[in-house]
PDB file of N, CA and C in Angstrom:
ATOM      1  N   GLN A   1      99.747 113.250 107.825  1.00  0.00           N
ATOM      2  CA  GLN A   1     100.011 114.260 108.816  1.00  0.00           C
ATOM      3  C   GLN A   1      99.312 115.548 108.428  1.00  0.00           C
ATOM      4  N   SER A   2      98.991 116.304 109.470  1.00  0.00           N
ATOM      5  CA  SER A   2      98.389 117.611 109.241  1.00  0.00           C
ATOM      6  C   SER A   2      99.459 118.602 108.801  1.00  0.00           C
ATOM      7  N   GLN A   3      99.050 119.807 108.506  1.00  0.00           N
ATOM      8  CA  GLN A   3     100.010 120.866 108.243  1.00  0.00           C
ATOM      9  C   GLN A   3     100.805 121.121 109.521  1.00  0.00           C
ATOM     10  N   ASN A   4     102.028 121.618 109.365  1.00  0.00           N
ATOM     11  CA  ASN A   4     102.932 121.794 110.504  1.00  0.00           C
ATOM     12  C   ASN A   4     102.363 122.648 111.623  1.00  0.00           C
ATOM     13  N   GLN A   5     101.580 123.666 111.311  1.00  0.00           N
ATOM     14  CA  GLN A   5     101.085 124.567 112.335  1.00  0.00           C
ATOM     15  C   GLN A   5      99.793 124.088 113.004  1.00  0.00           C
ATOM     16  N   THR A   6      99.223 122.962 112.581  1.00  0.00           N
ATOM     17  CA  THR A   6      97.952 122.499 113.127  1.00  0.00           C
ATOM     18  C   THR A   6      98.148 121.811 114.471  1.00  0.00           C
ATOM     19  N   ALA A   7      97.451 122.327 115.490  1.00  0.00           N
ATOM     20  CA  ALA A   7      97.475 121.747 116.836  1.00  0.00           C
ATOM     21  C   ALA A   7      96.164 121.009 117.082  1.00  0.00           C
ATOM     22  N   GLN A   8      96.182 120.003 117.948  1.00  0.00           N
ATOM     23  CA  GLN A   8      94.970 119.250 118.257  1.00  0.00           C
ATOM     24  C   GLN A   8      93.861 120.156 118.788  1.00  0.00           C
ATOM     25  N   GLN A   9      94.217 121.161 119.576  1.00  0.00           N
ATOM     26  CA  GLN A   9      93.230 122.026 120.196  1.00  0.00           C
ATOM     27  C   GLN A   9      92.764 123.165 119.285  1.00  0.00           C
ATOM     28  N   SER A  10      93.312 123.263 118.089  1.00  0.00           N
ATOM     29  CA  SER A  10      92.917 124.321 117.160  1.00  0.00           C
ATOM     30  C   SER A  10      91.604 123.952 116.474  1.00  0.00           C
ATOM     31  N   LYS A  11      90.999 124.947 115.836  1.00  0.00           N
ATOM     32  CA  LYS A  11      89.756 124.697 115.091  1.00  0.00           C
ATOM     33  C   LYS A  11      89.991 123.654 113.994  1.00  0.00           C
ATOM     34  N   ALA A  12      91.123 123.765 113.289  1.00  0.00           N
ATOM     35  CA  ALA A  12      91.441 122.800 112.227  1.00  0.00           C
ATOM     36  C   ALA A  12      91.646 121.399 112.809  1.00  0.00           C
ATOM     37  N   GLY A  13      92.338 121.301 113.945  1.00  0.00           N
ATOM     38  CA  GLY A  13      92.557 120.005 114.586  1.00  0.00           C
ATOM     39  C   GLY A  13      91.255 119.374 115.046  1.00  0.00           C
ATOM     40  N   GLU A  14      90.416 120.177 115.666  1.00  0.00           N
ATOM     41  CA  GLU A  14      89.130 119.648 116.131  1.00  0.00           C
ATOM     42  C   GLU A  14      88.247 119.223 114.972  1.00  0.00           C
ATOM     43  N   SER A  15      88.369 119.891 113.819  1.00  0.00           N
ATOM     44  CA  SER A  15      87.568 119.497 112.656  1.00  0.00           C
ATOM     45  C   SER A  15      88.027 118.150 112.095  1.00  0.00           C
ATOM     46  N   ILE A  16      89.298 117.826 112.276  1.00  0.00           N
ATOM     47  CA  ILE A  16      89.785 116.497 111.878  1.00  0.00           C
ATOM     48  C   ILE A  16      89.139 115.439 112.763  1.00  0.00           C
ATOM     49  N   ARG A  17      89.247 115.627 114.063  1.00  0.00           N
ATOM     50  CA  ARG A  17      88.707 114.653 115.025  1.00  0.00           C
ATOM     51  C   ARG A  17      87.188 114.531 114.919  1.00  0.00           C
ATOM     52  N   ASP A  18      86.511 115.653 114.751  1.00  0.00           N
ATOM     53  CA  ASP A  18      85.046 115.680 114.813  1.00  0.00           C
ATOM     54  C   ASP A  18      84.379 115.706 113.445  1.00  0.00           C
ATOM     55  N   HIS A  19      85.079 115.295 112.408  1.00  0.00           N
ATOM     56  CA  HIS A  19      84.544 115.430 111.050  1.00  0.00           C
ATOM     57  C   HIS A  19      83.181 114.781 110.882  1.00  0.00           C
ATOM     58  N   GLN A  20      82.951 113.618 111.488  1.00  0.00           N
ATOM     59  CA  GLN A  20      81.655 112.947 111.338  1.00  0.00           C
ATOM     60  C   GLN A  20      80.541 113.757 112.006  1.00  0.00           C
ATOM     61  N   LYS A  21      80.800 114.216 113.208  1.00  0.00           N
ATOM     62  CA  LYS A  21      79.816 115.006 113.943  1.00  0.00           C
ATOM     63  C   LYS A  21      79.490 116.296 113.187  1.00  0.00           C
ATOM     64  N   LEU A  22      80.472 116.839 112.485  1.00  0.00           N
ATOM     65  CA  LEU A  22      80.290 118.074 111.729  1.00  0.00           C
ATOM     66  C   LEU A  22      79.684 117.829 110.340  1.00  0.00           C
ATOM     67  N   GLY A  23      79.519 116.560 109.975  1.00  0.00           N
ATOM     68  CA  GLY A  23      78.953 116.226 108.673  1.00  0.00           C
ATOM     69  C   GLY A  23      79.923 116.389 107.522  1.00  0.00           C
ATOM     70  N   VAL A  24      81.234 116.283 107.814  1.00  0.00           N
ATOM     71  CA  VAL A  24      82.259 116.432 106.783  1.00  0.00           C
ATOM     72  C   VAL A  24      82.768 115.051 106.379  1.00  0.00           C
ATOM     73  N   ALA A  25      82.639 114.716 105.104  1.00  0.00           N
ATOM     74  CA  ALA A  25      83.139 113.442 104.595  1.00  0.00           C
ATOM     75  C   ALA A  25      84.607 113.612 104.212  1.00  0.00           C
ATOM     76  N   VAL A  26      85.443 112.656 104.614  1.00  0.00           N
ATOM     77  CA  VAL A  26      86.869 112.681 104.281  1.00  0.00           C
ATOM     78  C   VAL A  26      87.129 111.554 103.289  1.00  0.00           C
ATOM     79  N   HIS A  27      87.820 111.868 102.198  1.00  0.00           N
ATOM     80  CA  HIS A  27      88.089 110.910 101.129  1.00  0.00           C
ATOM     81  C   HIS A  27      89.597 110.767 100.955  1.00  0.00           C
ATOM     82  N   LEU A  28      90.044 109.559 100.587  1.00  0.00           N
ATOM     83  CA  LEU A  28      91.465 109.286 100.415  1.00  0.00           C
ATOM     84  C   LEU A  28      91.810 109.084  98.943  1.00  0.00           C
ATOM     85  N   PHE A  29      92.764 109.883  98.464  1.00  0.00           N
ATOM     86  CA  PHE A  29      93.352 109.734  97.138  1.00  0.00           C
ATOM     87  C   PHE A  29      94.839 109.486  97.344  1.00  0.00           C
ATOM     88  N   VAL A  30      95.394 108.478  96.680  1.00  0.00           N
ATOM     89  CA  VAL A  30      96.817 108.167  96.811  1.00  0.00           C
ATOM     90  C   VAL A  30      97.405 107.939  95.425  1.00  0.00           C
ATOM     91  N   ARG A  31      98.726 107.994  95.367  1.00  0.00           N
ATOM     92  CA  ARG A  31      99.389 107.596  94.131  1.00  0.00           C
ATOM     93  C   ARG A  31     100.693 106.913  94.474  1.00  0.00           C
ATOM     94  N   ALA A  32     101.097 106.032  93.579  1.00  0.00           N
ATOM     95  CA  ALA A  32     102.340 105.294  93.750  1.00  0.00           C
ATOM     96  C   ALA A  32     103.510 106.243  93.567  1.00  0.00           C
ATOM     97  N   LYS A  33     104.646 105.880  94.136  1.00  0.00           N
ATOM     98  CA  LYS A  33     105.861 106.681  93.950  1.00  0.00           C
ATOM     99  C   LYS A  33     106.317 106.574  92.504  1.00  0.00           C
ATOM    100  N   GLY A  34     107.067 107.536  92.125  1.00  0.00           N
ATOM    101  CA  GLY A  34     107.667 107.479  90.797  1.00  0.00           C
ATOM    102  C   GLY A  34     106.885 108.249  89.762  1.00  0.00           C
ATOM    103  N   LYS A  35     107.356 108.138  88.557  1.00  0.00           N
ATOM    104  CA  LYS A  35     106.757 108.857  87.442  1.00  0.00           C
ATOM    105  C   LYS A  35     106.390 107.873  86.343  1.00  0.00           C
ATOM    106  N   THR A  36     105.519 108.301  85.475  1.00  0.00           N
ATOM    107  CA  THR A  36     105.149 107.479  84.334  1.00  0.00           C
ATOM    108  C   THR A  36     106.316 107.471  83.341  1.00  0.00           C
ATOM    109  N   PRO A  37     106.315 106.546  82.383  1.00  0.00           N
ATOM    110  CA  PRO A  37     107.402 106.529  81.405  1.00  0.00           C
ATOM    111  C   PRO A  37     107.581 107.865  80.673  1.00  0.00           C
ATOM    112  N   GLY A  38     106.530 108.655  80.534  1.00  0.00           N
ATOM    113  CA  GLY A  38     106.629 109.950  79.871  1.00  0.00           C
ATOM    114  C   GLY A  38     107.146 111.057  80.782  1.00  0.00           C
ATOM    115  N   GLY A  39     107.517 110.710  82.023  1.00  0.00           N
ATOM    116  CA  GLY A  39     108.066 111.690  82.945  1.00  0.00           C
ATOM    117  C   GLY A  39     107.034 112.472  83.738  1.00  0.00           C
ATOM    118  N   ARG A  40     105.774 112.128  83.598  1.00  0.00           N
ATOM    119  CA  ARG A  40     104.716 112.808  84.341  1.00  0.00           C
ATOM    120  C   ARG A  40     104.498 112.094  85.672  1.00  0.00           C
ATOM    121  N   GLY A  41     103.836 112.762  86.603  1.00  0.00           N
ATOM    122  CA  GLY A  41     103.527 112.159  87.893  1.00  0.00           C
ATOM    123  C   GLY A  41     102.591 110.975  87.736  1.00  0.00           C
ATOM    124  N   ALA A  42     102.684 110.041  88.670  1.00  0.00           N
ATOM    125  CA  ALA A  42     101.824 108.863  88.648  1.00  0.00           C
ATOM    126  C   ALA A  42     100.369 109.285  88.857  1.00  0.00           C
ATOM    127  N   PRO A  43      99.417 108.508  88.339  1.00  0.00           N
ATOM    128  CA  PRO A  43      98.010 108.866  88.510  1.00  0.00           C
ATOM    129  C   PRO A  43      97.553 108.683  89.962  1.00  0.00           C
ATOM    130  N   PHE A  44      96.520 109.405  90.324  1.00  0.00           N
ATOM    131  CA  PHE A  44      95.912 109.234  91.642  1.00  0.00           C
ATOM    132  C   PHE A  44      94.870 108.135  91.572  1.00  0.00           C
ATOM    133  N   TYR A  45      94.724 107.407  92.691  1.00  0.00           N
ATOM    134  CA  TYR A  45      93.685 106.395  92.837  1.00  0.00           C
ATOM    135  C   TYR A  45      92.777 106.816  93.983  1.00  0.00           C
ATOM    136  N   TYR A  46      91.481 106.704  93.766  1.00  0.00           N
ATOM    137  CA  TYR A  46      90.511 106.999  94.812  1.00  0.00           C
ATOM    138  C   TYR A  46      90.277 105.725  95.608  1.00  0.00           C
ATOM    139  N   LEU A  47      90.517 105.782  96.927  1.00  0.00           N
ATOM    140  CA  LEU A  47      90.358 104.593  97.763  1.00  0.00           C
ATOM    141  C   LEU A  47      89.130 104.646  98.656  1.00  0.00           C
ATOM    142  N   GLY A  48      88.408 105.744  98.661  1.00  0.00           N
ATOM    143  CA  GLY A  48      87.148 105.780  99.383  1.00  0.00           C
ATOM    144  C   GLY A  48      87.133 106.718 100.582  1.00  0.00           C
ATOM    145  N   ARG A  49      86.057 106.576 101.348  1.00  0.00           N
ATOM    146  CA  ARG A  49      85.846 107.426 102.516  1.00  0.00           C
ATOM    147  C   ARG A  49      86.597 106.902 103.726  1.00  0.00           C
ATOM    148  N   LEU A  50      86.910 107.827 104.625  1.00  0.00           N
ATOM    149  CA  LEU A  50      87.650 107.525 105.845  1.00  0.00           C
ATOM    150  C   LEU A  50      86.868 107.983 107.068  1.00  0.00           C
ATOM    151  N   ASN A  51      87.159 107.347 108.198  1.00  0.00           N
ATOM    152  CA  ASN A  51      86.688 107.816 109.498  1.00  0.00           C
ATOM    153  C   ASN A  51      87.887 107.974 110.413  1.00  0.00           C
ATOM    154  N   PHE A  52      87.850 108.997 111.246  1.00  0.00           N
ATOM    155  CA  PHE A  52      88.911 109.247 112.221  1.00  0.00           C
ATOM    156  C   PHE A  52      89.000 108.073 113.192  1.00  0.00           C
ATOM    157  N   LYS A  53      90.233 107.632 113.475  1.00  0.00           N
ATOM    158  CA  LYS A  53      90.458 106.572 114.462  1.00  0.00           C
ATOM    159  C   LYS A  53      91.192 107.124 115.684  1.00  0.00           C
ATOM    160  N   SER A  54      92.352 107.753 115.451  1.00  0.00           N
ATOM    161  CA  SER A  54      93.140 108.291 116.561  1.00  0.00           C
ATOM    162  C   SER A  54      94.147 109.288 116.017  1.00  0.00           C
ATOM    163  N   TRP A  55      94.835 109.946 116.931  1.00  0.00           N
ATOM    164  CA  TRP A  55      95.902 110.862 116.531  1.00  0.00           C
ATOM    165  C   TRP A  55      96.936 110.931 117.612  1.00  0.00           C
ATOM    166  N   GLU A  56      98.105 111.437 117.235  1.00  0.00           N
ATOM    167  CA  GLU A  56      99.183 111.652 118.199  1.00  0.00           C
ATOM    168  C   GLU A  56     100.024 112.815 117.707  1.00  0.00           C
ATOM    169  N   GLY A  57     100.718 113.418 118.634  1.00  0.00           N
ATOM    170  CA  GLY A  57     101.576 114.530 118.287  1.00  0.00           C
ATOM    171  C   GLY A  57     100.801 115.824 118.143  1.00  0.00           C
ATOM    172  N   ASN A  58     101.540 116.855 117.892  1.00  0.00           N
ATOM    173  CA  ASN A  58     100.981 118.194 117.795  1.00  0.00           C
ATOM    174  C   ASN A  58     101.919 119.036 116.940  1.00  0.00           C
ATOM    175  N   GLN A  59     101.356 119.734 116.021  1.00  0.00           N
ATOM    176  CA  GLN A  59     102.106 120.638 115.146  1.00  0.00           C
ATOM    177  C   GLN A  59     103.304 119.984 114.476  1.00  0.00           C
ATOM    178  N   PRO A  60     103.151 118.986 113.653  1.00  0.00           N
ATOM    179  CA  PRO A  60     101.925 118.488 113.054  1.00  0.00           C
ATOM    180  C   PRO A  60     101.298 117.339 113.858  1.00  0.00           C
ATOM    181  N   ILE A  61     100.072 117.017 113.495  1.00  0.00           N
ATOM    182  CA  ILE A  61      99.344 115.893 114.090  1.00  0.00           C
ATOM    183  C   ILE A  61      99.472 114.706 113.144  1.00  0.00           C
ATOM    184  N   THR A  62      99.820 113.549 113.686  1.00  0.00           N
ATOM    185  CA  THR A  62      99.783 112.309 112.907  1.00  0.00           C
ATOM    186  C   THR A  62      98.411 111.689 113.135  1.00  0.00           C
ATOM    187  N   VAL A  63      97.652 111.520 112.063  1.00  0.00           N
ATOM    188  CA  VAL A  63      96.266 111.050 112.151  1.00  0.00           C
ATOM    189  C   VAL A  63      96.182 109.630 111.616  1.00  0.00           C
ATOM    190  N   ARG A  64      95.442 108.786 112.327  1.00  0.00           N
ATOM    191  CA  ARG A  64      95.148 107.426 111.861  1.00  0.00           C
ATOM    192  C   ARG A  64      93.677 107.385 111.454  1.00  0.00           C
ATOM    193  N   TRP A  65      93.454 106.881 110.253  1.00  0.00           N
ATOM    194  CA  TRP A  65      92.113 106.811 109.685  1.00  0.00           C
ATOM    195  C   TRP A  65      91.730 105.355 109.454  1.00  0.00           C
ATOM    196  N   VAL A  66      90.449 105.100 109.308  1.00  0.00           N
ATOM    197  CA  VAL A  66      89.942 103.779 108.952  1.00  0.00           C
ATOM    198  C   VAL A  66      89.190 103.927 107.637  1.00  0.00           C
ATOM    199  N   LEU A  67      89.567 103.110 106.650  1.00  0.00           N
ATOM    200  CA  LEU A  67      88.858 103.099 105.369  1.00  0.00           C
ATOM    201  C   LEU A  67      87.503 102.416 105.529  1.00  0.00           C
ATOM    202  N   HIS A  68      86.497 102.903 104.821  1.00  0.00           N
ATOM    203  CA  HIS A  68      85.181 102.256 104.842  1.00  0.00           C
ATOM    204  C   HIS A  68      85.231 100.888 104.173  1.00  0.00           C
ATOM    205  N   ALA A  69      86.087 100.745 103.170  1.00  0.00           N
ATOM    206  CA  ALA A  69      86.203  99.487 102.427  1.00  0.00           C
ATOM    207  C   ALA A  69      87.684  99.178 102.220  1.00  0.00           C
ATOM    208  N   SER A  70      87.999  97.906 102.060  1.00  0.00           N
ATOM    209  CA  SER A  70      89.387  97.486 101.842  1.00  0.00           C
ATOM    210  C   SER A  70      89.910  97.981 100.503  1.00  0.00           C
ATOM    211  N   VAL A  71      91.217  98.146 100.424  1.00  0.00           N
ATOM    212  CA  VAL A  71      91.867  98.501  99.165  1.00  0.00           C
ATOM    213  C   VAL A  71      91.732  97.303  98.219  1.00  0.00           C
ATOM    214  N   PRO A  72      91.251  97.501  97.006  1.00  0.00           N
ATOM    215  CA  PRO A  72      91.109  96.383  96.073  1.00  0.00           C
ATOM    216  C   PRO A  72      92.451  95.688  95.832  1.00  0.00           C
ATOM    217  N   GLU A  73      92.436  94.367  95.801  1.00  0.00           N
ATOM    218  CA  GLU A  73      93.663  93.590  95.584  1.00  0.00           C
ATOM    219  C   GLU A  73      94.366  93.975  94.290  1.00  0.00           C
ATOM    220  N   THR A  74      93.616  94.423  93.309  1.00  0.00           N
ATOM    221  CA  THR A  74      94.223  94.807  92.032  1.00  0.00           C
ATOM    222  C   THR A  74      95.172  95.993  92.175  1.00  0.00           C
ATOM    223  N   LEU A  75      95.071  96.745  93.266  1.00  0.00           N
ATOM    224  CA  LEU A  75      95.961  97.894  93.489  1.00  0.00           C
ATOM    225  C   LEU A  75      97.103  97.598  94.453  1.00  0.00           C
ATOM    226  N   TRP A  76      97.114  96.450  95.086  1.00  0.00           N
ATOM    227  CA  TRP A  76      98.139  96.145  96.091  1.00  0.00           C
ATOM    228  C   TRP A  76      99.548  96.275  95.519  1.00  0.00           C
ATOM    229  N   LYS A  77      99.796  95.700  94.361  1.00  0.00           N
ATOM    230  CA  LYS A  77     101.135  95.747  93.777  1.00  0.00           C
ATOM    231  C   LYS A  77     101.497  97.179  93.385  1.00  0.00           C
ATOM    232  N   GLU A  78     100.588  97.859  92.734  1.00  0.00           N
ATOM    233  CA  GLU A  78     100.827  99.248  92.287  1.00  0.00           C
ATOM    234  C   GLU A  78     101.145 100.164  93.455  1.00  0.00           C
ATOM    235  N   LEU A  79     100.477  99.970  94.587  1.00  0.00           N
ATOM    236  CA  LEU A  79     100.649 100.839  95.753  1.00  0.00           C
ATOM    237  C   LEU A  79     101.607 100.246  96.788  1.00  0.00           C
ATOM    238  N   ALA A  80     102.278  99.135  96.443  1.00  0.00           N
ATOM    239  CA  ALA A  80     103.248  98.479  97.314  1.00  0.00           C
ATOM    240  C   ALA A  80     102.648  98.114  98.673  1.00  0.00           C
ATOM    241  N   ILE A  81     101.450  97.532  98.663  1.00  0.00           N
ATOM    242  CA  ILE A  81     100.784  97.082  99.888  1.00  0.00           C
ATOM    243  C   ILE A  81     101.113  95.605 100.057  1.00  0.00           C
ATOM    244  N   PRO A  82     101.743  95.219 101.163  1.00  0.00           N
ATOM    245  CA  PRO A  82     102.057  93.788 101.382  1.00  0.00           C
ATOM    246  C   PRO A  82     100.770  92.969 101.452  1.00  0.00           C
ATOM    247  N   ASN A  83     100.814  91.744 100.933  1.00  0.00           N
ATOM    248  CA  ASN A  83      99.638  90.862 100.942  1.00  0.00           C
ATOM    249  C   ASN A  83      99.114  90.590 102.340  1.00  0.00           C
ATOM    250  N   THR A  84      99.981  90.700 103.348  1.00  0.00           N
ATOM    251  CA  THR A  84      99.572  90.373 104.708  1.00  0.00           C
ATOM    252  C   THR A  84      99.129  91.603 105.495  1.00  0.00           C
ATOM    253  N   ALA A  85      99.130  92.775 104.865  1.00  0.00           N
ATOM    254  CA  ALA A  85      98.779  94.016 105.579  1.00  0.00           C
ATOM    255  C   ALA A  85      97.301  94.020 105.931  1.00  0.00           C
ATOM    256  N   PRO A  86      96.976  94.327 107.194  1.00  0.00           N
ATOM    257  CA  PRO A  86      95.567  94.474 107.545  1.00  0.00           C
ATOM    258  C   PRO A  86      95.039  95.760 106.931  1.00  0.00           C
ATOM    259  N   LEU A  87      93.952  95.653 106.217  1.00  0.00           N
ATOM    260  CA  LEU A  87      93.390  96.832 105.559  1.00  0.00           C
ATOM    261  C   LEU A  87      92.155  97.155 106.278  1.00  0.00           C
TER     262      LEU A  87
END
């Protein structure tokens, strides 16, 4: 989701939708829930570049993205991705 004040018709909203046309690359970093045994936050994983697919709502906007490449199977368990999930 976007920040709460971001509207689809705002400059920030339009930059989300038009990122490719504007030459802006969007990258996805995620981390699993929970903490490491030492009490620190879980590490981030880089999953690659994204392209805008669709959006809904306003202030905030819920954005749907498409990954350029599938999430590696080695991360499915760590990120709680079901084996049958379309990636």
